[in-house]
Amino acid sequence: MAARRIGKYVPDWIKLATKCPEEGKPVFNRMRTKYENLKTRIDTVAPKPEPIHWDWYAKNITKPGMVEAFRKAEEYYIEGRKEADELIAECEAELAKIRNMKPFEEMSIDEFLDLHPEIKKEVEAMEKSGEWPDRTM
């Protein structure tokens, strides 16, 4: 994932070097070298990790239950990750809905209550019981 983010930005080293003062050139060159080395290392990482070969580990690890415990932990992680992704998708949908909504400053009470029927029921119940002031004022 990091490789994809870094790959999108290509620094203009010549433009950066022209803005660097002479006394800062050695530091600039070290930073450029370090950047290039890190970028090369990140590019060598596969975007998706290889699957774990549980059978090989089960044969070669003698401690009983250790491989099975790790396998269960990985399955638990994957399941949690899927649930988290679903929750993130729900939140992003809710956020898109909120962003497309009319601003509260421009919205009337009736428009707000139409968008939130659960609150509308509470307000209507309060109006019937006399707790909510008359909205016609």
C-alpha atoms as a PDB file:
ATOM      1  CA  MET A   1       0.000   0.000   0.000  1.00  0.00           C
ATOM      2  CA  ALA A   2       2.821   2.385   0.816  1.00  0.00           C
ATOM      3  CA  ALA A   3       4.435   1.657  -2.545  1.00  0.00           C
ATOM      4  CA  ARG A   4       1.296   2.774  -4.333  1.00  0.00           C
ATOM      5  CA  ARG A   5       1.162   6.039  -2.386  1.00  0.00           C
ATOM      6  CA  ILE A   6       4.831   6.879  -2.939  1.00  0.00           C
ATOM      7  CA  GLY A   7       4.680   5.853  -6.590  1.00  0.00           C
ATOM      8  CA  LYS A   8       2.155   8.587  -7.317  1.00  0.00           C
ATOM      9  CA  TYR A   9       4.557  11.378  -6.363  1.00  0.00           C
ATOM     10  CA  VAL A  10       7.755  11.878  -8.312  1.00  0.00           C
ATOM     11  CA  PRO A  11       9.886  14.653  -6.835  1.00  0.00           C
ATOM     12  CA  ASP A  12      11.392  17.170  -9.210  1.00  0.00           C
ATOM     13  CA  TRP A  13      14.935  16.889  -7.868  1.00  0.00           C
ATOM     14  CA  ILE A  14      16.340  19.542 -10.194  1.00  0.00           C
ATOM     15  CA  LYS A  15      13.766  22.110  -9.120  1.00  0.00           C
ATOM     16  CA  LEU A  16      14.329  21.234  -5.463  1.00  0.00           C
ATOM     17  CA  ALA A  17      18.116  21.465  -5.882  1.00  0.00           C
ATOM     18  CA  THR A  18      17.866  24.962  -7.364  1.00  0.00           C
ATOM     19  CA  LYS A  19      15.979  26.132  -4.259  1.00  0.00           C
ATOM     20  CA  CYS A  20      18.541  24.604  -1.906  1.00  0.00           C
ATOM     21  CA  PRO A  21      21.361  26.885  -0.699  1.00  0.00           C
ATOM     22  CA  GLU A  22      24.958  25.796  -1.327  1.00  0.00           C
ATOM     23  CA  GLU A  23      25.643  25.001   2.335  1.00  0.00           C
ATOM     24  CA  GLY A  24      22.598  22.698   2.358  1.00  0.00           C
ATOM     25  CA  LYS A  25      23.595  20.684  -0.748  1.00  0.00           C
ATOM     26  CA  PRO A  26      25.294  17.841   1.184  1.00  0.00           C
ATOM     27  CA  VAL A  27      22.213  17.410   3.382  1.00  0.00           C
ATOM     28  CA  PHE A  28      19.978  17.597   0.307  1.00  0.00           C
ATOM     29  CA  ASN A  29      22.017  14.910  -1.469  1.00  0.00           C
ATOM     30  CA  ARG A  30      21.883  12.610   1.589  1.00  0.00           C
ATOM     31  CA  MET A  31      18.131  13.107   1.778  1.00  0.00           C
ATOM     32  CA  ARG A  32      17.749  12.331  -1.930  1.00  0.00           C
ATOM     33  CA  THR A  33      19.872   9.186  -1.615  1.00  0.00           C
ATOM     34  CA  LYS A  34      17.904   8.057   1.433  1.00  0.00           C
ATOM     35  CA  TYR A  35      14.617   8.708  -0.408  1.00  0.00           C
ATOM     36  CA  GLU A  36      15.740   6.702  -3.427  1.00  0.00           C
ATOM     37  CA  ASN A  37      16.920   3.806  -1.243  1.00  0.00           C
ATOM     38  CA  LEU A  38      13.639   3.710   0.679  1.00  0.00           C
ATOM     39  CA  LYS A  39      11.597   3.927  -2.513  1.00  0.00           C
ATOM     40  CA  THR A  40      13.577   1.034  -4.009  1.00  0.00           C
ATOM     41  CA  ARG A  41      13.003  -1.080  -0.874  1.00  0.00           C
ATOM     42  CA  ILE A  42       9.277  -0.298  -0.848  1.00  0.00           C
ATOM     43  CA  ASP A  43       8.947  -1.128  -4.547  1.00  0.00           C
ATOM     44  CA  THR A  44      10.378  -4.604  -3.899  1.00  0.00           C
ATOM     45  CA  VAL A  45       7.574  -5.422  -1.442  1.00  0.00           C
ATOM     46  CA  ALA A  46       4.719  -7.334  -3.029  1.00  0.00           C
ATOM     47  CA  PRO A  47       1.418  -5.421  -2.948  1.00  0.00           C
ATOM     48  CA  LYS A  48      -0.332  -8.477  -1.521  1.00  0.00           C
ATOM     49  CA  PRO A  49       1.465 -10.801   0.910  1.00  0.00           C
ATOM     50  CA  GLU A  50       1.930 -14.453   0.049  1.00  0.00           C
ATOM     51  CA  PRO A  51      -0.474 -16.848   1.760  1.00  0.00           C
ATOM     52  CA  ILE A  52       0.782 -18.629   4.861  1.00  0.00           C
ATOM     53  CA  HIS A  53       1.627 -22.303   4.341  1.00  0.00           C
ATOM     54  CA  TRP A  54       0.082 -23.695   7.527  1.00  0.00           C
ATOM     55  CA  ASP A  55       0.802 -27.336   6.648  1.00  0.00           C
ATOM     56  CA  TRP A  56       4.530 -26.650   6.432  1.00  0.00           C
ATOM     57  CA  TYR A  57       4.505 -24.921   9.826  1.00  0.00           C
ATOM     58  CA  ALA A  58       2.420 -27.734  11.359  1.00  0.00           C
ATOM     59  CA  LYS A  59       5.047 -30.275  10.231  1.00  0.00           C
ATOM     60  CA  ASN A  60       8.089 -28.275  11.343  1.00  0.00           C
ATOM     61  CA  ILE A  61       6.952 -26.748  14.660  1.00  0.00           C
ATOM     62  CA  THR A  62       6.927 -29.254  17.494  1.00  0.00           C
ATOM     63  CA  LYS A  63       5.116 -27.227  20.151  1.00  0.00           C
ATOM     64  CA  PRO A  64       1.566 -28.616  20.275  1.00  0.00           C
ATOM     65  CA  GLY A  65      -1.240 -26.193  19.484  1.00  0.00           C
ATOM     66  CA  MET A  66       1.018 -23.289  18.531  1.00  0.00           C
ATOM     67  CA  VAL A  67       0.332 -23.387  14.783  1.00  0.00           C
ATOM     68  CA  GLU A  68      -3.389 -23.874  15.357  1.00  0.00           C
ATOM     69  CA  ALA A  69      -3.458 -20.892  17.733  1.00  0.00           C
ATOM     70  CA  PHE A  70      -1.782 -18.702  15.123  1.00  0.00           C
ATOM     71  CA  ARG A  71      -4.145 -19.974  12.429  1.00  0.00           C
ATOM     72  CA  LYS A  72      -7.161 -19.088  14.584  1.00  0.00           C
ATOM     73  CA  ALA A  73      -5.667 -15.666  15.322  1.00  0.00           C
ATOM     74  CA  GLU A  74      -5.209 -15.001  11.614  1.00  0.00           C
ATOM     75  CA  GLU A  75      -8.781 -16.093  10.838  1.00  0.00           C
ATOM     76  CA  TYR A  76     -10.044 -13.850  13.651  1.00  0.00           C
ATOM     77  CA  TYR A  77      -8.046 -10.945  12.227  1.00  0.00           C
ATOM     78  CA  ILE A  78      -9.346 -11.525   8.692  1.00  0.00           C
ATOM     79  CA  GLU A  79     -12.926 -11.735   9.951  1.00  0.00           C
ATOM     80  CA  GLY A  80     -12.480  -8.547  11.969  1.00  0.00           C
ATOM     81  CA  ARG A  81     -10.938  -6.830   8.976  1.00  0.00           C
ATOM     82  CA  LYS A  82     -13.949  -7.722   6.816  1.00  0.00           C
ATOM     83  CA  GLU A  83     -16.321  -6.388   9.486  1.00  0.00           C
ATOM     84  CA  ALA A  84     -14.251  -3.206   9.751  1.00  0.00           C
ATOM     85  CA  ASP A  85     -14.319  -2.729   5.974  1.00  0.00           C
ATOM     86  CA  GLU A  86     -18.115  -3.140   5.977  1.00  0.00           C
ATOM     87  CA  LEU A  87     -18.426  -0.605   8.798  1.00  0.00           C
ATOM     88  CA  ILE A  88     -16.153   1.825   6.960  1.00  0.00           C
ATOM     89  CA  ALA A  89     -18.297   1.469   3.826  1.00  0.00           C
ATOM     90  CA  GLU A  90     -21.449   2.189   5.864  1.00  0.00           C
ATOM     91  CA  CYS A  91     -19.820   5.244   7.439  1.00  0.00           C
ATOM     92  CA  GLU A  92     -18.649   6.537   4.056  1.00  0.00           C
ATOM     93  CA  ALA A  93     -22.206   6.144   2.692  1.00  0.00           C
ATOM     94  CA  GLU A  94     -23.572   8.039   5.698  1.00  0.00           C
ATOM     95  CA  LEU A  95     -20.936  10.738   5.227  1.00  0.00           C
ATOM     96  CA  ALA A  96     -21.846  11.120   1.551  1.00  0.00           C
ATOM     97  CA  LYS A  97     -25.486  11.456   2.570  1.00  0.00           C
ATOM     98  CA  ILE A  98     -24.594  14.172   5.093  1.00  0.00           C
ATOM     99  CA  ARG A  99     -22.426  16.049   2.588  1.00  0.00           C
ATOM    100  CA  ASN A 100     -25.268  16.061   0.054  1.00  0.00           C
ATOM    101  CA  MET A 101     -27.738  17.363   2.611  1.00  0.00           C
ATOM    102  CA  LYS A 102     -28.996  20.935   2.645  1.00  0.00           C
ATOM    103  CA  PRO A 103     -27.027  23.024   5.205  1.00  0.00           C
ATOM    104  CA  PHE A 104     -28.693  23.213   8.620  1.00  0.00           C
ATOM    105  CA  GLU A 105     -28.701  27.008   8.464  1.00  0.00           C
ATOM    106  CA  GLU A 106     -30.949  26.905   5.392  1.00  0.00           C
ATOM    107  CA  MET A 107     -33.163  24.056   6.615  1.00  0.00           C
ATOM    108  CA  SER A 108     -36.528  24.477   8.309  1.00  0.00           C
ATOM    109  CA  ILE A 109     -37.557  22.375  11.307  1.00  0.00           C
ATOM    110  CA  ASP A 110     -40.022  20.460   9.149  1.00  0.00           C
ATOM    111  CA  GLU A 111     -37.327  19.646   6.568  1.00  0.00           C
ATOM    112  CA  PHE A 112     -35.015  18.434   9.323  1.00  0.00           C
ATOM    113  CA  LEU A 113     -37.741  16.273  10.838  1.00  0.00           C
ATOM    114  CA  ASP A 114     -38.562  14.804   7.422  1.00  0.00           C
ATOM    115  CA  LEU A 115     -34.899  13.734   7.123  1.00  0.00           C
ATOM    116  CA  HIS A 116     -34.941  12.199  10.636  1.00  0.00           C
ATOM    117  CA  PRO A 117     -38.230  10.317  11.152  1.00  0.00           C
ATOM    118  CA  GLU A 118     -37.076   8.870  14.499  1.00  0.00           C
ATOM    119  CA  ILE A 119     -36.672  12.392  15.911  1.00  0.00           C
ATOM    120  CA  LYS A 120     -39.964  13.444  14.315  1.00  0.00           C
ATOM    121  CA  LYS A 121     -41.788  10.737  16.303  1.00  0.00           C
ATOM    122  CA  GLU A 122     -40.221  11.985  19.544  1.00  0.00           C
ATOM    123  CA  VAL A 123     -41.154  15.602  18.752  1.00  0.00           C
ATOM    124  CA  GLU A 124     -44.734  14.633  17.899  1.00  0.00           C
ATOM    125  CA  ALA A 125     -45.008  12.729  21.162  1.00  0.00           C
ATOM    126  CA  MET A 126     -43.672  15.762  23.058  1.00  0.00           C
ATOM    127  CA  GLU A 127     -46.159  18.043  21.256  1.00  0.00           C
ATOM    128  CA  LYS A 128     -49.050  15.782  22.233  1.00  0.00           C
ATOM    129  CA  SER A 129     -47.958  15.714  25.863  1.00  0.00           C
ATOM    130  CA  GLY A 130     -47.458  19.496  25.933  1.00  0.00           C
ATOM    131  CA  GLU A 131     -43.686  19.395  26.506  1.00  0.00           C
ATOM    132  CA  TRP A 132     -42.806  20.874  23.087  1.00  0.00           C
ATOM    133  CA  PRO A 133     -43.711  24.502  22.342  1.00  0.00           C
ATOM    134  CA  ASP A 134     -46.021  25.305  19.464  1.00  0.00           C
ATOM    135  CA  ARG A 135     -44.033  25.481  16.192  1.00  0.00           C
ATOM    136  CA  THR A 136     -46.398  27.978  14.573  1.00  0.00           C
ATOM    137  CA  MET A 137     -44.910  30.895  16.535  1.00  0.00           C
END
